[in-house]
Amino acid sequence: MKTQRPITSEVSEEEHRVLQFRPRTPPPGRPGKLGHPGPQHDAGEEPNDLSRYERVRERPDDFRHRMLANIAAFAFTVALMAVGLWLAKNIADLRKTQDCVLMGRRDCARISTPYF
């Protein structure tokens, strides 16, 4: 049995170098590291929070309309799931019937019996 040895090649020292990590410096005129408030934070500067992204709404939320839209979306999702399950069941039944016919059997048709 032949043993496998790793392929060795002569690697020069230039291929394997350790790069020095240099931390980023903040842009000129900005306090702190990368825009984060730090020890150099001015007292007059606005804090970094999400309040500056808030917008004033022209009209208040319509809670009733939002709830009706949520109910309609939920009903649509439930209906879509029901149709998907029904379709999967019918495809499985058709596959069973097709497999039965392809095996050459003659009793493949499903006979429905009334429930009394």
N, C-alpha and C. Protein backbone atom coordinates (compact mmCIF):
# COMPACT_ATOMS: atom_id res chain seq x y z
N MET A 1 0.84 -1.17 0.00
CA MET A 1 0.00 0.00 0.00
C MET A 1 0.89 1.24 0.00
N LYS A 2 0.52 2.18 -0.81
CA LYS A 2 1.31 3.37 -0.98
C LYS A 2 0.95 4.40 0.09
N THR A 3 1.91 4.97 0.74
CA THR A 3 1.63 6.00 1.75
C THR A 3 1.61 7.36 1.08
N GLN A 4 0.75 8.19 1.59
CA GLN A 4 0.63 9.54 1.03
C GLN A 4 1.42 10.51 1.89
N ARG A 5 2.17 11.34 1.25
CA ARG A 5 2.94 12.36 1.94
C ARG A 5 2.44 13.72 1.51
N PRO A 6 2.47 14.67 2.40
CA PRO A 6 2.04 16.01 2.00
C PRO A 6 3.01 16.60 0.99
N ILE A 7 2.45 17.37 0.10
CA ILE A 7 3.26 18.02 -0.91
C ILE A 7 3.96 19.20 -0.25
N THR A 8 5.25 19.23 -0.34
CA THR A 8 6.02 20.32 0.23
C THR A 8 6.61 21.14 -0.89
N SER A 9 6.57 22.42 -0.72
CA SER A 9 7.19 23.30 -1.70
C SER A 9 8.02 24.30 -0.94
N GLU A 10 8.98 24.80 -1.59
CA GLU A 10 9.81 25.79 -0.96
C GLU A 10 9.07 27.12 -0.95
N VAL A 11 8.82 27.64 0.23
CA VAL A 11 8.08 28.88 0.38
C VAL A 11 9.06 29.95 0.81
N SER A 12 9.02 31.05 0.10
CA SER A 12 9.92 32.14 0.46
C SER A 12 9.36 32.89 1.66
N GLU A 13 10.21 33.62 2.32
CA GLU A 13 9.81 34.38 3.49
C GLU A 13 8.86 35.52 3.14
N GLU A 14 8.88 35.98 1.89
CA GLU A 14 8.03 37.10 1.49
C GLU A 14 6.56 36.69 1.42
N GLU A 15 6.26 35.41 1.23
CA GLU A 15 4.88 34.96 1.12
C GLU A 15 4.18 34.95 2.48
N HIS A 16 4.93 34.81 3.54
CA HIS A 16 4.35 34.76 4.87
C HIS A 16 4.84 35.97 5.65
N ARG A 17 4.00 37.00 5.70
CA ARG A 17 4.35 38.21 6.42
C ARG A 17 3.27 38.52 7.45
N VAL A 18 3.67 39.08 8.54
CA VAL A 18 2.73 39.54 9.55
C VAL A 18 2.56 41.04 9.33
N LEU A 19 1.31 41.45 9.12
CA LEU A 19 1.03 42.86 8.89
C LEU A 19 0.77 43.55 10.22
N GLN A 20 1.28 44.73 10.35
CA GLN A 20 1.07 45.50 11.56
C GLN A 20 -0.35 46.08 11.55
N PHE A 21 -1.04 45.97 12.67
CA PHE A 21 -2.37 46.55 12.82
C PHE A 21 -2.25 48.00 13.24
N ARG A 22 -2.87 48.86 12.48
CA ARG A 22 -2.88 50.28 12.82
C ARG A 22 -4.32 50.69 13.05
N PRO A 23 -4.68 51.11 14.24
CA PRO A 23 -6.07 51.52 14.49
C PRO A 23 -6.43 52.74 13.65
N ARG A 24 -7.69 52.80 13.27
CA ARG A 24 -8.16 53.94 12.50
C ARG A 24 -8.17 55.19 13.36
N THR A 25 -7.94 56.29 12.72
CA THR A 25 -7.99 57.55 13.44
C THR A 25 -9.28 58.26 13.06
N PRO A 26 -9.86 59.02 13.99
CA PRO A 26 -11.11 59.71 13.66
C PRO A 26 -10.85 60.80 12.62
N PRO A 27 -11.85 61.13 11.81
CA PRO A 27 -11.67 62.21 10.84
C PRO A 27 -11.36 63.51 11.56
N PRO A 28 -10.67 64.41 10.89
CA PRO A 28 -10.32 65.68 11.54
C PRO A 28 -11.57 66.44 11.97
N GLY A 29 -11.53 66.98 13.17
CA GLY A 29 -12.64 67.78 13.67
C GLY A 29 -13.74 66.98 14.35
N ARG A 30 -13.62 65.65 14.44
CA ARG A 30 -14.64 64.82 15.09
C ARG A 30 -14.07 64.24 16.36
N PRO A 31 -14.79 64.33 17.46
CA PRO A 31 -14.27 63.77 18.71
C PRO A 31 -14.49 62.27 18.78
N GLY A 32 -13.73 61.63 19.61
CA GLY A 32 -13.92 60.22 19.90
C GLY A 32 -13.38 59.33 18.81
N LYS A 33 -13.56 57.99 19.00
CA LYS A 33 -13.07 57.03 18.03
C LYS A 33 -14.18 56.71 17.04
N LEU A 34 -13.96 56.90 15.78
CA LEU A 34 -14.89 56.56 14.71
C LEU A 34 -16.28 57.12 14.94
N GLY A 35 -16.38 58.32 15.45
CA GLY A 35 -17.67 58.95 15.64
C GLY A 35 -18.36 58.58 16.93
N HIS A 36 -17.82 57.66 17.71
CA HIS A 36 -18.43 57.29 18.99
C HIS A 36 -18.03 58.32 20.04
N PRO A 37 -18.97 58.68 20.89
CA PRO A 37 -18.59 59.64 21.94
C PRO A 37 -17.64 58.98 22.91
N GLY A 38 -16.60 59.66 23.24
CA GLY A 38 -15.61 59.11 24.15
C GLY A 38 -15.25 60.13 25.19
N PRO A 39 -14.08 60.03 25.71
CA PRO A 39 -13.67 60.99 26.72
C PRO A 39 -13.55 62.40 26.16
N GLN A 40 -13.41 62.54 24.84
CA GLN A 40 -13.28 63.85 24.25
C GLN A 40 -14.63 64.45 23.88
N HIS A 41 -15.74 63.84 24.29
CA HIS A 41 -17.09 64.25 23.92
C HIS A 41 -17.42 65.64 24.48
N ASP A 42 -17.87 66.55 23.60
CA ASP A 42 -18.25 67.88 24.04
C ASP A 42 -19.59 67.85 24.74
N ALA A 43 -19.78 68.71 25.70
CA ALA A 43 -21.05 68.77 26.43
C ALA A 43 -22.15 69.35 25.55
N GLY A 44 -21.81 70.20 24.58
CA GLY A 44 -22.82 70.83 23.74
C GLY A 44 -23.25 69.97 22.56
N GLU A 45 -22.55 68.88 22.29
CA GLU A 45 -22.87 68.04 21.15
C GLU A 45 -24.03 67.10 21.50
N GLU A 46 -24.88 66.84 20.52
CA GLU A 46 -26.03 65.97 20.72
C GLU A 46 -25.56 64.52 20.86
N PRO A 47 -26.13 63.74 21.79
CA PRO A 47 -25.70 62.36 21.96
C PRO A 47 -26.09 61.50 20.76
N ASN A 48 -25.33 60.43 20.54
CA ASN A 48 -25.62 59.51 19.43
C ASN A 48 -26.72 58.54 19.85
N ASP A 49 -27.95 58.89 19.57
CA ASP A 49 -29.06 57.97 19.78
C ASP A 49 -29.97 58.05 18.56
N LEU A 50 -31.07 57.34 18.59
CA LEU A 50 -31.94 57.27 17.42
C LEU A 50 -32.94 58.42 17.33
N SER A 51 -32.92 59.32 18.28
CA SER A 51 -33.89 60.42 18.26
C SER A 51 -33.71 61.33 17.06
N ARG A 52 -32.53 61.40 16.54
CA ARG A 52 -32.33 62.28 15.39
C ARG A 52 -32.94 61.70 14.11
N TYR A 53 -33.30 60.41 14.10
CA TYR A 53 -33.91 59.80 12.93
C TYR A 53 -35.44 59.78 13.01
N GLU A 54 -36.00 60.22 14.13
CA GLU A 54 -37.45 60.25 14.26
C GLU A 54 -38.01 61.33 13.36
N ARG A 55 -39.22 61.06 12.84
CA ARG A 55 -39.86 62.08 12.03
C ARG A 55 -41.23 62.36 12.61
N VAL A 56 -41.68 63.55 12.41
CA VAL A 56 -42.98 63.96 12.92
C VAL A 56 -44.04 63.46 11.96
N ARG A 57 -45.05 62.78 12.51
CA ARG A 57 -46.12 62.26 11.67
C ARG A 57 -47.13 63.37 11.38
N GLU A 58 -47.64 63.34 10.12
CA GLU A 58 -48.63 64.33 9.75
C GLU A 58 -49.96 64.08 10.46
N ARG A 59 -50.30 62.78 10.63
CA ARG A 59 -51.53 62.43 11.35
C ARG A 59 -51.22 61.24 12.26
N PRO A 60 -51.98 61.08 13.32
CA PRO A 60 -51.69 59.98 14.25
C PRO A 60 -52.01 58.61 13.63
N ASP A 61 -51.46 57.57 14.26
CA ASP A 61 -51.72 56.21 13.79
C ASP A 61 -53.20 55.88 13.87
N ASP A 62 -53.69 55.19 12.83
CA ASP A 62 -55.07 54.72 12.84
C ASP A 62 -55.03 53.27 13.32
N PHE A 63 -55.23 53.08 14.64
CA PHE A 63 -55.10 51.76 15.25
C PHE A 63 -56.09 50.78 14.65
N ARG A 64 -57.32 51.22 14.43
CA ARG A 64 -58.35 50.31 13.90
C ARG A 64 -57.97 49.83 12.50
N HIS A 65 -57.52 50.72 11.65
CA HIS A 65 -57.14 50.33 10.29
C HIS A 65 -55.96 49.36 10.32
N ARG A 66 -55.00 49.61 11.20
CA ARG A 66 -53.84 48.74 11.30
C ARG A 66 -54.24 47.34 11.77
N MET A 67 -55.16 47.26 12.75
CA MET A 67 -55.61 45.95 13.24
C MET A 67 -56.41 45.21 12.17
N LEU A 68 -57.24 45.93 11.41
CA LEU A 68 -57.98 45.28 10.33
C LEU A 68 -57.03 44.75 9.26
N ALA A 69 -55.99 45.52 8.95
CA ALA A 69 -55.00 45.05 7.98
C ALA A 69 -54.27 43.82 8.50
N ASN A 70 -53.94 43.79 9.80
CA ASN A 70 -53.28 42.62 10.39
C ASN A 70 -54.19 41.40 10.36
N ILE A 71 -55.47 41.58 10.65
CA ILE A 71 -56.42 40.46 10.61
C ILE A 71 -56.56 39.95 9.19
N ALA A 72 -56.65 40.85 8.22
CA ALA A 72 -56.76 40.43 6.82
C ALA A 72 -55.51 39.67 6.38
N ALA A 73 -54.35 40.14 6.79
CA ALA A 73 -53.10 39.44 6.44
C ALA A 73 -53.04 38.07 7.10
N PHE A 74 -53.49 37.97 8.34
CA PHE A 74 -53.51 36.68 9.03
C PHE A 74 -54.48 35.72 8.35
N ALA A 75 -55.68 36.20 7.98
CA ALA A 75 -56.66 35.36 7.30
C ALA A 75 -56.11 34.89 5.95
N PHE A 76 -55.46 35.78 5.23
CA PHE A 76 -54.88 35.39 3.95
C PHE A 76 -53.80 34.34 4.13
N THR A 77 -52.97 34.48 5.17
CA THR A 77 -51.92 33.51 5.44
C THR A 77 -52.50 32.15 5.80
N VAL A 78 -53.54 32.14 6.62
CA VAL A 78 -54.19 30.88 7.00
C VAL A 78 -54.82 30.22 5.77
N ALA A 79 -55.49 31.01 4.92
CA ALA A 79 -56.09 30.45 3.71
C ALA A 79 -55.02 29.90 2.78
N LEU A 80 -53.93 30.60 2.65
CA LEU A 80 -52.84 30.14 1.80
C LEU A 80 -52.25 28.83 2.32
N MET A 81 -52.11 28.71 3.64
CA MET A 81 -51.60 27.47 4.22
C MET A 81 -52.59 26.32 4.01
N ALA A 82 -53.88 26.60 4.15
CA ALA A 82 -54.89 25.56 3.95
C ALA A 82 -54.88 25.07 2.51
N VAL A 83 -54.79 25.98 1.57
CA VAL A 83 -54.73 25.59 0.16
C VAL A 83 -53.46 24.78 -0.11
N GLY A 84 -52.34 25.19 0.49
CA GLY A 84 -51.10 24.45 0.30
C GLY A 84 -51.18 23.03 0.86
N LEU A 85 -51.78 22.87 2.04
CA LEU A 85 -51.93 21.54 2.62
C LEU A 85 -52.87 20.67 1.78
N TRP A 86 -53.97 21.26 1.32
CA TRP A 86 -54.92 20.52 0.47
C TRP A 86 -54.23 20.08 -0.82
N LEU A 87 -53.47 20.96 -1.42
CA LEU A 87 -52.76 20.64 -2.65
C LEU A 87 -51.73 19.54 -2.42
N ALA A 88 -50.99 19.61 -1.32
CA ALA A 88 -49.99 18.57 -1.02
C ALA A 88 -50.66 17.22 -0.81
N LYS A 89 -51.81 17.20 -0.14
CA LYS A 89 -52.54 15.94 0.09
C LYS A 89 -53.02 15.36 -1.22
N ASN A 90 -53.58 16.19 -2.09
CA ASN A 90 -54.07 15.70 -3.38
C ASN A 90 -52.93 15.20 -4.26
N ILE A 91 -51.80 15.88 -4.25
CA ILE A 91 -50.66 15.43 -5.04
C ILE A 91 -50.15 14.08 -4.52
N ALA A 92 -50.14 13.91 -3.19
CA ALA A 92 -49.71 12.63 -2.61
C ALA A 92 -50.67 11.51 -3.00
N ASP A 93 -51.98 11.78 -2.98
CA ASP A 93 -52.97 10.77 -3.40
C ASP A 93 -52.80 10.42 -4.87
N LEU A 94 -52.59 11.41 -5.72
CA LEU A 94 -52.38 11.15 -7.15
C LEU A 94 -51.11 10.33 -7.37
N ARG A 95 -50.07 10.61 -6.60
CA ARG A 95 -48.83 9.86 -6.74
C ARG A 95 -49.04 8.40 -6.34
N LYS A 96 -49.79 8.17 -5.26
CA LYS A 96 -50.08 6.79 -4.84
C LYS A 96 -50.86 6.06 -5.91
N THR A 97 -51.87 6.72 -6.49
CA THR A 97 -52.68 6.10 -7.53
C THR A 97 -51.83 5.81 -8.77
N GLN A 98 -50.98 6.75 -9.15
CA GLN A 98 -50.13 6.55 -10.31
C GLN A 98 -49.15 5.41 -10.08
N ASP A 99 -48.56 5.31 -8.89
CA ASP A 99 -47.66 4.20 -8.58
C ASP A 99 -48.39 2.87 -8.67
N CYS A 100 -49.63 2.84 -8.19
CA CYS A 100 -50.43 1.62 -8.23
C CYS A 100 -50.70 1.20 -9.67
N VAL A 101 -51.06 2.15 -10.53
CA VAL A 101 -51.36 1.84 -11.93
C VAL A 101 -50.08 1.39 -12.65
N LEU A 102 -48.96 2.04 -12.37
CA LEU A 102 -47.72 1.68 -13.04
C LEU A 102 -47.21 0.31 -12.61
N MET A 103 -47.64 -0.19 -11.43
CA MET A 103 -47.27 -1.54 -11.01
C MET A 103 -48.13 -2.59 -11.69
N GLY A 104 -49.15 -2.16 -12.41
CA GLY A 104 -49.99 -3.11 -13.14
C GLY A 104 -51.19 -3.61 -12.35
N ARG A 105 -51.48 -3.00 -11.24
CA ARG A 105 -52.62 -3.43 -10.44
C ARG A 105 -53.89 -2.85 -11.03
N ARG A 106 -55.03 -3.54 -10.77
CA ARG A 106 -56.30 -3.09 -11.32
C ARG A 106 -57.23 -2.49 -10.28
N ASP A 107 -56.90 -2.63 -9.04
CA ASP A 107 -57.78 -2.13 -7.98
C ASP A 107 -57.26 -0.80 -7.40
N CYS A 108 -56.86 0.10 -8.27
CA CYS A 108 -56.25 1.34 -7.81
C CYS A 108 -57.26 2.45 -7.55
N ALA A 109 -58.42 2.37 -8.18
CA ALA A 109 -59.40 3.45 -8.02
C ALA A 109 -59.95 3.44 -6.60
N ARG A 110 -60.08 4.60 -6.03
CA ARG A 110 -60.62 4.71 -4.69
C ARG A 110 -62.15 4.69 -4.79
N ILE A 111 -62.75 3.83 -4.02
CA ILE A 111 -64.21 3.72 -4.01
C ILE A 111 -64.69 4.42 -2.75
N SER A 112 -65.51 5.43 -2.96
CA SER A 112 -66.02 6.15 -1.79
C SER A 112 -67.27 5.45 -1.29
N THR A 113 -67.33 5.26 0.01
CA THR A 113 -68.49 4.63 0.62
C THR A 113 -69.19 5.66 1.48
N PRO A 114 -70.53 5.65 1.42
CA PRO A 114 -71.26 6.61 2.25
C PRO A 114 -71.15 6.22 3.72
N TYR A 115 -71.07 7.20 4.54
CA TYR A 115 -70.99 6.96 5.99
C TYR A 115 -72.40 7.01 6.56
N PHE A 116 -72.83 5.91 7.12
CA PHE A 116 -74.16 5.86 7.76
C PHE A 116 -74.04 5.78 9.23
